[in-house]
PDB file of N, CA and C in Angstrom:
ATOM      1  N   UNK A   1       0.842  -1.194   0.000  1.00  0.00           N
ATOM      2  CA  UNK A   1       0.000   0.000   0.000  1.00  0.00           C
ATOM      3  C   UNK A   1       0.877   1.243   0.000  1.00  0.00           C
ATOM      4  N   UNK A   2       0.540   2.185  -0.830  1.00  0.00           N
ATOM      5  CA  UNK A   2       1.292   3.429  -0.920  1.00  0.00           C
ATOM      6  C   UNK A   2       0.610   4.482  -0.067  1.00  0.00           C
ATOM      7  N   UNK A   3       1.374   5.120   0.762  1.00  0.00           N
ATOM      8  CA  UNK A   3       0.812   6.199   1.568  1.00  0.00           C
ATOM      9  C   UNK A   3       1.888   7.188   1.978  1.00  0.00           C
ATOM     10  N   UNK A   4       1.436   8.361   2.384  1.00  0.00           N
ATOM     11  CA  UNK A   4       2.311   9.409   2.882  1.00  0.00           C
ATOM     12  C   UNK A   4       2.113   9.524   4.385  1.00  0.00           C
ATOM     13  N   UNK A   5       3.201   9.471   5.118  1.00  0.00           N
ATOM     14  CA  UNK A   5       3.145   9.542   6.573  1.00  0.00           C
ATOM     15  C   UNK A   5       3.866  10.808   7.023  1.00  0.00           C
ATOM     16  N   UNK A   6       3.108  11.710   7.633  1.00  0.00           N
ATOM     17  CA  UNK A   6       3.647  13.003   8.056  1.00  0.00           C
ATOM     18  C   UNK A   6       4.037  12.982   9.525  1.00  0.00           C
ATOM     19  N   UNK A   7       4.984  13.840   9.863  1.00  0.00           N
ATOM     20  CA  UNK A   7       5.355  14.044  11.255  1.00  0.00           C
ATOM     21  C   UNK A   7       5.828  15.476  11.420  1.00  0.00           C
ATOM     22  N   UNK A   8       5.896  15.914  12.666  1.00  0.00           N
ATOM     23  CA  UNK A   8       6.291  17.286  12.939  1.00  0.00           C
ATOM     24  C   UNK A   8       5.070  18.154  13.153  1.00  0.00           C
ATOM     25  N   UNK A   9       5.264  19.427  13.070  1.00  0.00           N
ATOM     26  CA  UNK A   9       4.157  20.343  13.324  1.00  0.00           C
ATOM     27  C   UNK A   9       4.003  20.598  14.808  1.00  0.00           C
ATOM     28  N   UNK A  10       2.895  21.252  15.153  1.00  0.00           N
ATOM     29  CA  UNK A  10       2.647  21.573  16.550  1.00  0.00           C
ATOM     30  C   UNK A  10       2.507  23.062  16.751  1.00  0.00           C
ATOM     31  N   UNK A  11       2.943  23.521  17.906  1.00  0.00           N
ATOM     32  CA  UNK A  11       2.779  24.921  18.299  1.00  0.00           C
ATOM     33  C   UNK A  11       4.118  25.657  18.254  1.00  0.00           C
ATOM     34  N   UNK A  12       4.101  26.853  17.692  1.00  0.00           N
ATOM     35  CA  UNK A  12       5.292  27.696  17.664  1.00  0.00           C
ATOM     36  C   UNK A  12       4.879  29.138  17.910  1.00  0.00           C
ATOM     37  N   UNK A  13       5.829  29.920  18.372  1.00  0.00           N
ATOM     38  CA  UNK A  13       5.576  31.347  18.578  1.00  0.00           C
ATOM     39  C   UNK A  13       5.878  32.106  17.304  1.00  0.00           C
ATOM     40  N   UNK A  14       5.278  33.246  17.118  1.00  0.00           N
ATOM     41  CA  UNK A  14       5.632  34.077  15.953  1.00  0.00           C
ATOM     42  C   UNK A  14       7.128  34.332  15.908  1.00  0.00           C
ATOM     43  N   UNK A  15       7.698  34.179  14.726  1.00  0.00           N
ATOM     44  CA  UNK A  15       9.136  34.320  14.552  1.00  0.00           C
ATOM     45  C   UNK A  15       9.902  33.028  14.758  1.00  0.00           C
ATOM     46  N   UNK A  16       9.219  32.019  15.248  1.00  0.00           N
ATOM     47  CA  UNK A  16       9.872  30.748  15.528  1.00  0.00           C
ATOM     48  C   UNK A  16       9.943  29.842  14.307  1.00  0.00           C
ATOM     49  N   UNK A  17      10.347  28.596  14.560  1.00  0.00           N
ATOM     50  CA  UNK A  17      10.547  27.632  13.484  1.00  0.00           C
ATOM     51  C   UNK A  17       9.923  26.289  13.842  1.00  0.00           C
ATOM     52  N   UNK A  18       9.576  25.563  12.812  1.00  0.00           N
ATOM     53  CA  UNK A  18       9.119  24.183  12.934  1.00  0.00           C
ATOM     54  C   UNK A  18       9.624  23.403  11.734  1.00  0.00           C
ATOM     55  N   UNK A  19       9.601  22.089  11.858  1.00  0.00           N
ATOM     56  CA  UNK A  19       9.986  21.238  10.742  1.00  0.00           C
ATOM     57  C   UNK A  19       8.927  20.163  10.552  1.00  0.00           C
ATOM     58  N   UNK A  20       8.519  20.012   9.299  1.00  0.00           N
ATOM     59  CA  UNK A  20       7.584  18.962   8.921  1.00  0.00           C
ATOM     60  C   UNK A  20       8.303  17.936   8.059  1.00  0.00           C
ATOM     61  N   UNK A  21       8.007  16.676   8.320  1.00  0.00           N
ATOM     62  CA  UNK A  21       8.598  15.614   7.519  1.00  0.00           C
ATOM     63  C   UNK A  21       7.498  14.723   6.969  1.00  0.00           C
ATOM     64  N   UNK A  22       7.778  14.124   5.841  1.00  0.00           N
ATOM     65  CA  UNK A  22       6.794  13.248   5.191  1.00  0.00           C
ATOM     66  C   UNK A  22       7.545  12.140   4.471  1.00  0.00           C
ATOM     67  N   UNK A  23       7.133  10.921   4.726  1.00  0.00           N
ATOM     68  CA  UNK A  23       7.761   9.768   4.092  1.00  0.00           C
ATOM     69  C   UNK A  23       6.746   9.069   3.204  1.00  0.00           C
ATOM     70  N   UNK A  24       7.162   8.793   1.995  1.00  0.00           N
ATOM     71  CA  UNK A  24       6.347   8.032   1.049  1.00  0.00           C
ATOM     72  C   UNK A  24       6.661   6.555   1.253  1.00  0.00           C
ATOM     73  N   UNK A  25       5.701   5.836   1.796  1.00  0.00           N
ATOM     74  CA  UNK A  25       5.944   4.427   2.099  1.00  0.00           C
ATOM     75  C   UNK A  25       5.277   3.536   1.061  1.00  0.00           C
ATOM     76  N   UNK A  26       5.853   2.360   0.892  1.00  0.00           N
ATOM     77  CA  UNK A  26       5.344   1.425  -0.099  1.00  0.00           C
ATOM     78  C   UNK A  26       6.487   0.924  -0.960  1.00  0.00           C
ATOM     79  N   UNK A  27       6.176   0.052  -1.884  1.00  0.00           N
ATOM     80  CA  UNK A  27       7.180  -0.532  -2.765  1.00  0.00           C
ATOM     81  C   UNK A  27       7.347   0.389  -3.977  1.00  0.00           C
ATOM     82  N   UNK A  28       8.061   1.494  -3.742  1.00  0.00           N
ATOM     83  CA  UNK A  28       8.126   2.594  -4.699  1.00  0.00           C
ATOM     84  C   UNK A  28       9.233   2.380  -5.726  1.00  0.00           C
ATOM     85  N   UNK A  29       8.859   2.592  -6.987  1.00  0.00           N
ATOM     86  CA  UNK A  29       9.853   2.559  -8.055  1.00  0.00           C
ATOM     87  C   UNK A  29      10.251   3.967  -8.470  1.00  0.00           C
ATOM     88  N   UNK A  30       9.250   4.844  -8.522  1.00  0.00           N
ATOM     89  CA  UNK A  30       9.507   6.186  -9.036  1.00  0.00           C
ATOM     90  C   UNK A  30       8.421   7.129  -8.540  1.00  0.00           C
ATOM     91  N   UNK A  31       8.781   8.392  -8.352  1.00  0.00           N
ATOM     92  CA  UNK A  31       7.780   9.433  -8.138  1.00  0.00           C
ATOM     93  C   UNK A  31       8.262  10.715  -8.790  1.00  0.00           C
ATOM     94  N   UNK A  32       7.327  11.520  -9.243  1.00  0.00           N
ATOM     95  CA  UNK A  32       7.693  12.772  -9.913  1.00  0.00           C
ATOM     96  C   UNK A  32       8.024  13.864  -8.912  1.00  0.00           C
ATOM     97  N   UNK A  33       7.225  13.976  -7.861  1.00  0.00           N
ATOM     98  CA  UNK A  33       7.465  15.044  -6.916  1.00  0.00           C
ATOM     99  C   UNK A  33       6.686  14.884  -5.633  1.00  0.00           C
ATOM    100  N   UNK A  34       7.132  15.597  -4.619  1.00  0.00           N
ATOM    101  CA  UNK A  34       6.475  15.651  -3.322  1.00  0.00           C
ATOM    102  C   UNK A  34       6.307  17.113  -2.932  1.00  0.00           C
ATOM    103  N   UNK A  35       5.333  17.376  -2.102  1.00  0.00           N
ATOM    104  CA  UNK A  35       5.138  18.766  -1.711  1.00  0.00           C
ATOM    105  C   UNK A  35       4.223  18.902  -0.521  1.00  0.00           C
ATOM    106  N   UNK A  36       3.947  20.157  -0.198  1.00  0.00           N
ATOM    107  CA  UNK A  36       3.110  20.482   0.944  1.00  0.00           C
ATOM    108  C   UNK A  36       2.052  21.505   0.548  1.00  0.00           C
ATOM    109  N   UNK A  37       0.860  21.278   1.032  1.00  0.00           N
ATOM    110  CA  UNK A  37      -0.241  22.217   0.927  1.00  0.00           C
ATOM    111  C   UNK A  37      -0.718  22.510   2.341  1.00  0.00           C
ATOM    112  N   UNK A  38      -1.503  23.562   2.472  1.00  0.00           N
ATOM    113  CA  UNK A  38      -2.097  23.858   3.772  1.00  0.00           C
ATOM    114  C   UNK A  38      -3.530  24.341   3.586  1.00  0.00           C
ATOM    115  N   UNK A  39      -4.292  24.183   4.653  1.00  0.00           N
ATOM    116  CA  UNK A  39      -5.695  24.562   4.587  1.00  0.00           C
ATOM    117  C   UNK A  39      -6.171  25.030   5.953  1.00  0.00           C
ATOM    118  N   UNK A  40      -6.938  26.121   5.925  1.00  0.00           N
ATOM    119  CA  UNK A  40      -7.605  26.594   7.128  1.00  0.00           C
ATOM    120  C   UNK A  40      -9.101  26.441   6.908  1.00  0.00           C
ATOM    121  N   UNK A  41      -9.857  26.307   7.978  1.00  0.00           N
ATOM    122  CA  UNK A  41     -11.310  26.106   7.821  1.00  0.00           C
ATOM    123  C   UNK A  41     -11.955  27.209   6.994  1.00  0.00           C
ATOM    124  N   UNK A  42     -12.788  26.795   6.056  1.00  0.00           N
ATOM    125  CA  UNK A  42     -13.514  27.755   5.245  1.00  0.00           C
ATOM    126  C   UNK A  42     -12.763  28.257   4.033  1.00  0.00           C
ATOM    127  N   UNK A  43     -11.524  27.814   3.871  1.00  0.00           N
ATOM    128  CA  UNK A  43     -10.731  28.246   2.717  1.00  0.00           C
ATOM    129  C   UNK A  43     -10.261  27.049   1.915  1.00  0.00           C
ATOM    130  N   UNK A  44      -9.914  27.292   0.659  1.00  0.00           N
ATOM    131  CA  UNK A  44      -9.426  26.219  -0.186  1.00  0.00           C
ATOM    132  C   UNK A  44      -7.983  25.870   0.176  1.00  0.00           C
ATOM    133  N   UNK A  45      -7.584  24.677  -0.242  1.00  0.00           N
ATOM    134  CA  UNK A  45      -6.232  24.239   0.052  1.00  0.00           C
ATOM    135  C   UNK A  45      -5.238  25.063  -0.768  1.00  0.00           C
ATOM    136  N   UNK A  46      -4.154  25.475  -0.119  1.00  0.00           N
ATOM    137  CA  UNK A  46      -3.157  26.360  -0.729  1.00  0.00           C
ATOM    138  C   UNK A  46      -1.833  25.632  -0.895  1.00  0.00           C
ATOM    139  N   UNK A  47      -1.217  25.779  -2.057  1.00  0.00           N
ATOM    140  CA  UNK A  47       0.100  25.187  -2.286  1.00  0.00           C
ATOM    141  C   UNK A  47       1.149  25.968  -1.488  1.00  0.00           C
ATOM    142  N   UNK A  48       1.923  25.246  -0.712  1.00  0.00           N
ATOM    143  CA  UNK A  48       2.983  25.865   0.088  1.00  0.00           C
ATOM    144  C   UNK A  48       4.332  25.732  -0.611  1.00  0.00           C
ATOM    145  N   UNK A  49       4.693  24.513  -0.935  1.00  0.00           N
ATOM    146  CA  UNK A  49       5.979  24.271  -1.584  1.00  0.00           C
ATOM    147  C   UNK A  49       5.951  22.902  -2.226  1.00  0.00           C
ATOM    148  N   UNK A  50       6.740  22.759  -3.289  1.00  0.00           N
ATOM    149  CA  UNK A  50       6.851  21.479  -3.963  1.00  0.00           C
ATOM    150  C   UNK A  50       8.265  21.269  -4.466  1.00  0.00           C
ATOM    151  N   UNK A  51       8.617  20.008  -4.634  1.00  0.00           N
ATOM    152  CA  UNK A  51       9.948  19.673  -5.113  1.00  0.00           C
ATOM    153  C   UNK A  51       9.858  18.423  -5.964  1.00  0.00           C
ATOM    154  N   UNK A  52      10.565  18.426  -7.091  1.00  0.00           N
ATOM    155  CA  UNK A  52      10.593  17.252  -7.941  1.00  0.00           C
ATOM    156  C   UNK A  52      11.672  16.288  -7.446  1.00  0.00           C
ATOM    157  N   UNK A  53      11.625  15.080  -7.952  1.00  0.00           N
ATOM    158  CA  UNK A  53      12.653  14.108  -7.582  1.00  0.00           C
ATOM    159  C   UNK A  53      14.026  14.575  -8.052  1.00  0.00           C
ATOM    160  N   UNK A  54      14.047  15.465  -9.038  1.00  0.00           N
ATOM    161  CA  UNK A  54      15.303  16.023  -9.521  1.00  0.00           C
ATOM    162  C   UNK A  54      15.788  17.217  -8.730  1.00  0.00           C
ATOM    163  N   UNK A  55      14.954  17.693  -7.797  1.00  0.00           N
ATOM    164  CA  UNK A  55      15.381  18.776  -6.917  1.00  0.00           C
ATOM    165  C   UNK A  55      14.876  20.158  -7.288  1.00  0.00           C
ATOM    166  N   UNK A  56      14.081  20.280  -8.333  1.00  0.00           N
ATOM    167  CA  UNK A  56      13.513  21.584  -8.680  1.00  0.00           C
ATOM    168  C   UNK A  56      12.417  21.942  -7.689  1.00  0.00           C
ATOM    169  N   UNK A  57      12.407  23.197  -7.243  1.00  0.00           N
ATOM    170  CA  UNK A  57      11.474  23.618  -6.195  1.00  0.00           C
ATOM    171  C   UNK A  57      10.546  24.719  -6.681  1.00  0.00           C
ATOM    172  N   UNK A  58       9.415  24.801  -6.009  1.00  0.00           N
ATOM    173  CA  UNK A  58       8.466  25.887  -6.231  1.00  0.00           C
ATOM    174  C   UNK A  58       7.871  26.225  -4.873  1.00  0.00           C
ATOM    175  N   UNK A  59       7.624  27.524  -4.655  1.00  0.00           N
ATOM    176  CA  UNK A  59       7.078  27.980  -3.380  1.00  0.00           C
ATOM    177  C   UNK A  59       5.874  28.891  -3.608  1.00  0.00           C
ATOM    178  N   UNK A  60       4.942  28.834  -2.688  1.00  0.00           N
ATOM    179  CA  UNK A  60       3.852  29.788  -2.700  1.00  0.00           C
ATOM    180  C   UNK A  60       4.375  31.167  -2.329  1.00  0.00           C
ATOM    181  N   UNK A  61       3.739  32.193  -2.855  1.00  0.00           N
ATOM    182  CA  UNK A  61       4.229  33.560  -2.641  1.00  0.00           C
ATOM    183  C   UNK A  61       4.288  33.918  -1.160  1.00  0.00           C
ATOM    184  N   UNK A  62       3.361  33.415  -0.373  1.00  0.00           N
ATOM    185  CA  UNK A  62       3.291  33.801   1.030  1.00  0.00           C
ATOM    186  C   UNK A  62       4.400  33.192   1.880  1.00  0.00           C
ATOM    187  N   UNK A  63       5.123  32.219   1.366  1.00  0.00           N
ATOM    188  CA  UNK A  63       6.161  31.560   2.167  1.00  0.00           C
ATOM    189  C   UNK A  63       7.558  31.714   1.571  1.00  0.00           C
ATOM    190  N   UNK A  64       7.661  32.329   0.420  1.00  0.00           N
ATOM    191  CA  UNK A  64       8.974  32.494  -0.215  1.00  0.00           C
ATOM    192  C   UNK A  64       9.921  33.239   0.712  1.00  0.00           C
ATOM    193  N   UNK A  65      11.134  32.721   0.825  1.00  0.00           N
ATOM    194  CA  UNK A  65      12.138  33.344   1.681  1.00  0.00           C
ATOM    195  C   UNK A  65      12.048  32.924   3.132  1.00  0.00           C
ATOM    196  N   UNK A  66      10.986  32.212   3.500  1.00  0.00           N
ATOM    197  CA  UNK A  66      10.826  31.783   4.903  1.00  0.00           C
ATOM    198  C   UNK A  66      10.836  30.259   5.049  1.00  0.00           C
ATOM    199  N   UNK A  67      10.254  29.559   4.106  1.00  0.00           N
ATOM    200  CA  UNK A  67      10.176  28.102   4.170  1.00  0.00           C
ATOM    201  C   UNK A  67      11.167  27.494   3.189  1.00  0.00           C
ATOM    202  N   UNK A  68      11.677  26.323   3.556  1.00  0.00           N
ATOM    203  CA  UNK A  68      12.620  25.614   2.701  1.00  0.00           C
ATOM    204  C   UNK A  68      12.184  24.167   2.574  1.00  0.00           C
ATOM    205  N   UNK A  69      12.060  23.715   1.331  1.00  0.00           N
ATOM    206  CA  UNK A  69      11.685  22.315   1.083  1.00  0.00           C
ATOM    207  C   UNK A  69      12.912  21.560   0.590  1.00  0.00           C
ATOM    208  N   UNK A  70      13.055  20.331   1.048  1.00  0.00           N
ATOM    209  CA  UNK A  70      14.173  19.501   0.615  1.00  0.00           C
ATOM    210  C   UNK A  70      13.688  18.064   0.457  1.00  0.00           C
ATOM    211  N   UNK A  71      14.441  17.300  -0.313  1.00  0.00           N
ATOM    212  CA  UNK A  71      14.033  15.932  -0.615  1.00  0.00           C
ATOM    213  C   UNK A  71      15.181  14.968  -0.368  1.00  0.00           C
ATOM    214  N   UNK A  72      14.846  13.782   0.079  1.00  0.00           N
ATOM    215  CA  UNK A  72      15.799  12.695   0.243  1.00  0.00           C
ATOM    216  C   UNK A  72      15.275  11.542  -0.612  1.00  0.00           C
ATOM    217  N   UNK A  73      15.833  11.414  -1.800  1.00  0.00           N
ATOM    218  CA  UNK A  73      15.319  10.402  -2.726  1.00  0.00           C
ATOM    219  C   UNK A  73      15.580   8.981  -2.236  1.00  0.00           C
ATOM    220  N   UNK A  74      16.663   8.796  -1.498  1.00  0.00           N
ATOM    221  CA  UNK A  74      16.967   7.446  -0.992  1.00  0.00           C
ATOM    222  C   UNK A  74      15.915   6.984   0.010  1.00  0.00           C
ATOM    223  N   UNK A  75      15.366   7.938   0.759  1.00  0.00           N
ATOM    224  CA  UNK A  75      14.373   7.609   1.778  1.00  0.00           C
ATOM    225  C   UNK A  75      12.948   7.906   1.322  1.00  0.00           C
ATOM    226  N   UNK A  76      12.799   8.398   0.086  1.00  0.00           N
ATOM    227  CA  UNK A  76      11.469   8.802  -0.401  1.00  0.00           C
ATOM    228  C   UNK A  76      10.805   9.748   0.593  1.00  0.00           C
ATOM    229  N   UNK A  77      11.548  10.745   1.011  1.00  0.00           N
ATOM    230  CA  UNK A  77      11.061  11.637   2.063  1.00  0.00           C
ATOM    231  C   UNK A  77      11.234  13.092   1.657  1.00  0.00           C
ATOM    232  N   UNK A  78      10.354  13.926   2.168  1.00  0.00           N
ATOM    233  CA  UNK A  78      10.430  15.360   1.940  1.00  0.00           C
ATOM    234  C   UNK A  78      10.310  16.064   3.280  1.00  0.00           C
ATOM    235  N   UNK A  79      11.079  17.127   3.422  1.00  0.00           N
ATOM    236  CA  UNK A  79      11.072  17.913   4.652  1.00  0.00           C
ATOM    237  C   UNK A  79      10.741  19.361   4.313  1.00  0.00           C
ATOM    238  N   UNK A  80       9.942  19.974   5.154  1.00  0.00           N
ATOM    239  CA  UNK A  80       9.633  21.398   5.013  1.00  0.00           C
ATOM    240  C   UNK A  80      10.080  22.104   6.285  1.00  0.00           C
ATOM    241  N   UNK A  81      11.049  22.980   6.140  1.00  0.00           N
ATOM    242  CA  UNK A  81      11.524  23.799   7.245  1.00  0.00           C
ATOM    243  C   UNK A  81      10.749  25.108   7.239  1.00  0.00           C
ATOM    244  N   UNK A  82      10.038  25.370   8.317  1.00  0.00           N
ATOM    245  CA  UNK A  82       9.224  26.571   8.425  1.00  0.00           C
ATOM    246  C   UNK A  82       9.935  27.564   9.336  1.00  0.00           C
ATOM    247  N   UNK A  83      10.385  28.662   8.789  1.00  0.00           N
ATOM    248  CA  UNK A  83      11.109  29.681   9.544  1.00  0.00           C
ATOM    249  C   UNK A  83      10.326  30.987   9.583  1.00  0.00           C
ATOM    250  N   UNK A  84      10.676  31.812  10.535  1.00  0.00           N
ATOM    251  CA  UNK A  84      10.048  33.131  10.688  1.00  0.00           C
ATOM    252  C   UNK A  84       8.524  32.996  10.603  1.00  0.00           C
ATOM    253  N   UNK A  85       8.009  32.130  11.405  1.00  0.00           N
ATOM    254  CA  UNK A  85       6.582  31.817  11.353  1.00  0.00           C
ATOM    255  C   UNK A  85       5.725  33.019  11.732  1.00  0.00           C
ATOM    256  N   UNK A  86       4.572  33.084  11.104  1.00  0.00           N
ATOM    257  CA  UNK A  86       3.589  34.137  11.355  1.00  0.00           C
ATOM    258  C   UNK A  86       2.270  33.505  11.783  1.00  0.00           C
ATOM    259  N   UNK A  87       1.455  34.221  12.495  1.00  0.00           N
ATOM    260  CA  UNK A  87       0.144  33.647  12.879  1.00  0.00           C
ATOM    261  C   UNK A  87      -0.663  33.172  11.677  1.00  0.00           C
ATOM    262  N   UNK A  88      -0.515  33.838  10.554  1.00  0.00           N
ATOM    263  CA  UNK A  88      -1.266  33.436   9.356  1.00  0.00           C
ATOM    264  C   UNK A  88      -0.753  32.145   8.727  1.00  0.00           C
ATOM    265  N   UNK A  89       0.344  31.596   9.252  1.00  0.00           N
ATOM    266  CA  UNK A  89       0.815  30.279   8.808  1.00  0.00           C
ATOM    267  C   UNK A  89       0.047  29.153   9.508  1.00  0.00           C
ATOM    268  N   UNK A  90      -0.769  29.513  10.474  1.00  0.00           N
ATOM    269  CA  UNK A  90      -1.569  28.517  11.174  1.00  0.00           C
ATOM    270  C   UNK A  90      -2.514  27.818  10.208  1.00  0.00           C
ATOM    271  N   UNK A  91      -2.422  26.496  10.158  1.00  0.00           N
ATOM    272  CA  UNK A  91      -3.221  25.714   9.221  1.00  0.00           C
ATOM    273  C   UNK A  91      -2.933  24.238   9.456  1.00  0.00           C
ATOM    274  N   UNK A  92      -3.693  23.400   8.800  1.00  0.00           N
ATOM    275  CA  UNK A  92      -3.351  21.983   8.705  1.00  0.00           C
ATOM    276  C   UNK A  92      -2.515  21.815   7.437  1.00  0.00           C
ATOM    277  N   UNK A  93      -1.353  21.221   7.589  1.00  0.00           N
ATOM    278  CA  UNK A  93      -0.431  21.037   6.478  1.00  0.00           C
ATOM    279  C   UNK A  93      -0.533  19.601   5.969  1.00  0.00           C
ATOM    280  N   UNK A  94      -0.699  19.480   4.663  1.00  0.00           N
ATOM    281  CA  UNK A  94      -0.868  18.185   4.019  1.00  0.00           C
ATOM    282  C   UNK A  94       0.298  17.891   3.083  1.00  0.00           C
ATOM    283  N   UNK A  95       0.837  16.699   3.213  1.00  0.00           N
ATOM    284  CA  UNK A  95       1.855  16.245   2.279  1.00  0.00           C
ATOM    285  C   UNK A  95       1.167  15.714   1.020  1.00  0.00           C
ATOM    286  N   UNK A  96       1.791  15.962  -0.107  1.00  0.00           N
ATOM    287  CA  UNK A  96       1.215  15.597  -1.398  1.00  0.00           C
ATOM    288  C   UNK A  96       2.256  14.892  -2.258  1.00  0.00           C
ATOM    289  N   UNK A  97       1.856  13.841  -2.920  1.00  0.00           N
ATOM    290  CA  UNK A  97       2.749  13.122  -3.819  1.00  0.00           C
ATOM    291  C   UNK A  97       2.155  13.056  -5.217  1.00  0.00           C
ATOM    292  N   UNK A  98       2.989  13.273  -6.217  1.00  0.00           N
ATOM    293  CA  UNK A  98       2.522  13.322  -7.602  1.00  0.00           C
ATOM    294  C   UNK A  98       3.203  12.244  -8.429  1.00  0.00           C
ATOM    295  N   UNK A  99       2.416  11.579  -9.230  1.00  0.00           N
ATOM    296  CA  UNK A  99       2.844  10.519 -10.146  1.00  0.00           C
ATOM    297  C   UNK A  99       3.801   9.548  -9.459  1.00  0.00           C
ATOM    298  N   UNK A 100       3.200   8.698  -8.664  1.00  0.00           N
ATOM    299  CA  UNK A 100       3.950   7.687  -7.937  1.00  0.00           C
ATOM    300  C   UNK A 100       3.746   6.351  -8.622  1.00  0.00           C
ATOM    301  N   UNK A 101       4.832   5.663  -8.886  1.00  0.00           N
ATOM    302  CA  UNK A 101       4.766   4.368  -9.564  1.00  0.00           C
ATOM    303  C   UNK A 101       5.410   3.316  -8.668  1.00  0.00           C
ATOM    304  N   UNK A 102       4.687   2.237  -8.449  1.00  0.00           N
ATOM    305  CA  UNK A 102       5.239   1.162  -7.631  1.00  0.00           C
ATOM    306  C   UNK A 102       6.000   0.170  -8.506  1.00  0.00           C
ATOM    307  N   UNK A 103       6.696  -0.749  -7.869  1.00  0.00           N
ATOM    308  CA  UNK A 103       7.549  -1.689  -8.597  1.00  0.00           C
ATOM    309  C   UNK A 103       6.751  -2.684  -9.423  1.00  0.00           C
ATOM    310  N   UNK A 104       5.465  -2.852  -9.095  1.00  0.00           N
ATOM    311  CA  UNK A 104       4.642  -3.735  -9.920  1.00  0.00           C
ATOM    312  C   UNK A 104       3.960  -2.973 -11.059  1.00  0.00           C
ATOM    313  N   UNK A 105       4.298  -1.681 -11.207  1.00  0.00           N
ATOM    314  CA  UNK A 105       3.785  -0.887 -12.312  1.00  0.00           C
ATOM    315  C   UNK A 105       2.527  -0.101 -12.037  1.00  0.00           C
ATOM    316  N   UNK A 106       2.007  -0.200 -10.830  1.00  0.00           N
ATOM    317  CA  UNK A 106       0.804   0.569 -10.493  1.00  0.00           C
ATOM    318  C   UNK A 106       1.165   2.043 -10.377  1.00  0.00           C
ATOM    319  N   UNK A 107       0.364   2.899 -11.004  1.00  0.00           N
ATOM    320  CA  UNK A 107       0.636   4.339 -10.980  1.00  0.00           C
ATOM    321  C   UNK A 107      -0.453   5.053 -10.190  1.00  0.00           C
ATOM    322  N   UNK A 108      -0.024   5.910  -9.299  1.00  0.00           N
ATOM    323  CA  UNK A 108      -0.912   6.753  -8.506  1.00  0.00           C
ATOM    324  C   UNK A 108      -0.697   8.197  -8.956  1.00  0.00           C
ATOM    325  N   UNK A 109      -1.679   8.784  -9.623  1.00  0.00           N
ATOM    326  CA  UNK A 109      -1.490  10.156 -10.110  1.00  0.00           C
ATOM    327  C   UNK A 109      -1.217  11.159  -8.988  1.00  0.00           C
ATOM    328  N   UNK A 110      -1.917  11.008  -7.882  1.00  0.00           N
ATOM    329  CA  UNK A 110      -1.744  11.935  -6.778  1.00  0.00           C
ATOM    330  C   UNK A 110      -2.251  11.282  -5.498  1.00  0.00           C
ATOM    331  N   UNK A 111      -1.498  11.450  -4.409  1.00  0.00           N
ATOM    332  CA  UNK A 111      -1.969  10.982  -3.109  1.00  0.00           C
ATOM    333  C   UNK A 111      -1.715  12.064  -2.077  1.00  0.00           C
ATOM    334  N   UNK A 112      -2.453  11.964  -0.961  1.00  0.00           N
ATOM    335  CA  UNK A 112      -2.371  12.955   0.107  1.00  0.00           C
ATOM    336  C   UNK A 112      -2.104  12.259   1.441  1.00  0.00           C
ATOM    337  N   UNK A 113      -1.377  12.962   2.292  1.00  0.00           N
ATOM    338  CA  UNK A 113      -1.241  12.527   3.667  1.00  0.00           C
ATOM    339  C   UNK A 113      -2.470  12.932   4.463  1.00  0.00           C
ATOM    340  N   UNK A 114      -2.488  12.569   5.725  1.00  0.00           N
ATOM    341  CA  UNK A 114      -3.646  12.836   6.575  1.00  0.00           C
ATOM    342  C   UNK A 114      -3.647  14.251   7.143  1.00  0.00           C
ATOM    343  N   UNK A 115      -2.537  14.923   7.070  1.00  0.00           N
ATOM    344  CA  UNK A 115      -2.465  16.292   7.560  1.00  0.00           C
ATOM    345  C   UNK A 115      -1.884  16.369   8.960  1.00  0.00           C
ATOM    346  N   UNK A 116      -1.131  17.433   9.198  1.00  0.00           N
ATOM    347  CA  UNK A 116      -0.578  17.685  10.523  1.00  0.00           C
ATOM    348  C   UNK A 116      -0.796  19.172  10.851  1.00  0.00           C
ATOM    349  N   UNK A 117      -1.308  19.463  12.034  1.00  0.00           N
ATOM    350  CA  UNK A 117      -1.637  20.856  12.354  1.00  0.00           C
ATOM    351  C   UNK A 117      -0.411  21.665  12.776  1.00  0.00           C
ATOM    352  N   UNK A 118      -0.395  22.902  12.336  1.00  0.00           N
ATOM    353  CA  UNK A 118       0.610  23.879  12.751  1.00  0.00           C
ATOM    354  C   UNK A 118      -0.141  25.086  13.310  1.00  0.00           C
ATOM    355  N   UNK A 119       0.226  25.472  14.519  1.00  0.00           N
ATOM    356  CA  UNK A 119      -0.382  26.636  15.159  1.00  0.00           C
ATOM    357  C   UNK A 119       0.715  27.608  15.542  1.00  0.00           C
ATOM    358  N   UNK A 120       0.563  28.849  15.097  1.00  0.00           N
ATOM    359  CA  UNK A 120       1.529  29.898  15.414  1.00  0.00           C
ATOM    360  C   UNK A 120       0.816  30.931  16.272  1.00  0.00           C
ATOM    361  N   UNK A 121       1.241  31.005  17.523  1.00  0.00           N
ATOM    362  CA  UNK A 121       0.552  31.881  18.456  1.00  0.00           C
ATOM    363  C   UNK A 121       1.482  32.245  19.604  1.00  0.00           C
ATOM    364  N   UNK A 122       1.318  33.431  20.116  1.00  0.00           N
ATOM    365  CA  UNK A 122       2.096  33.846  21.274  1.00  0.00           C
ATOM    366  C   UNK A 122       1.365  33.486  22.563  1.00  0.00           C
TER     367      UNK A 122
END
């Protein structure tokens, strides 16, 4: 079974830092990219950052210069370093995987993790 398992998150003060990690588990042969989205109640899910297996990155405008995404292809894992946190970063953060192919040839166009909450408050 292919799934994304998230860890990290929690409570931080404004200006502080947190780290989110996500591991793609399963008998993985290939994936195109991993990333993070976030969502607050009543709003649509927002792209935070993404990274391809080749290391190309993209960031949402609201987090550029503050968040850093990195990938470990050997571990099929992605990490999001959240720096200089603001109260408006408070949300549930979801790990996202794009075009995942298992060793038996099964392709998953997109999968989501269960989400991990981040709260930024003094």
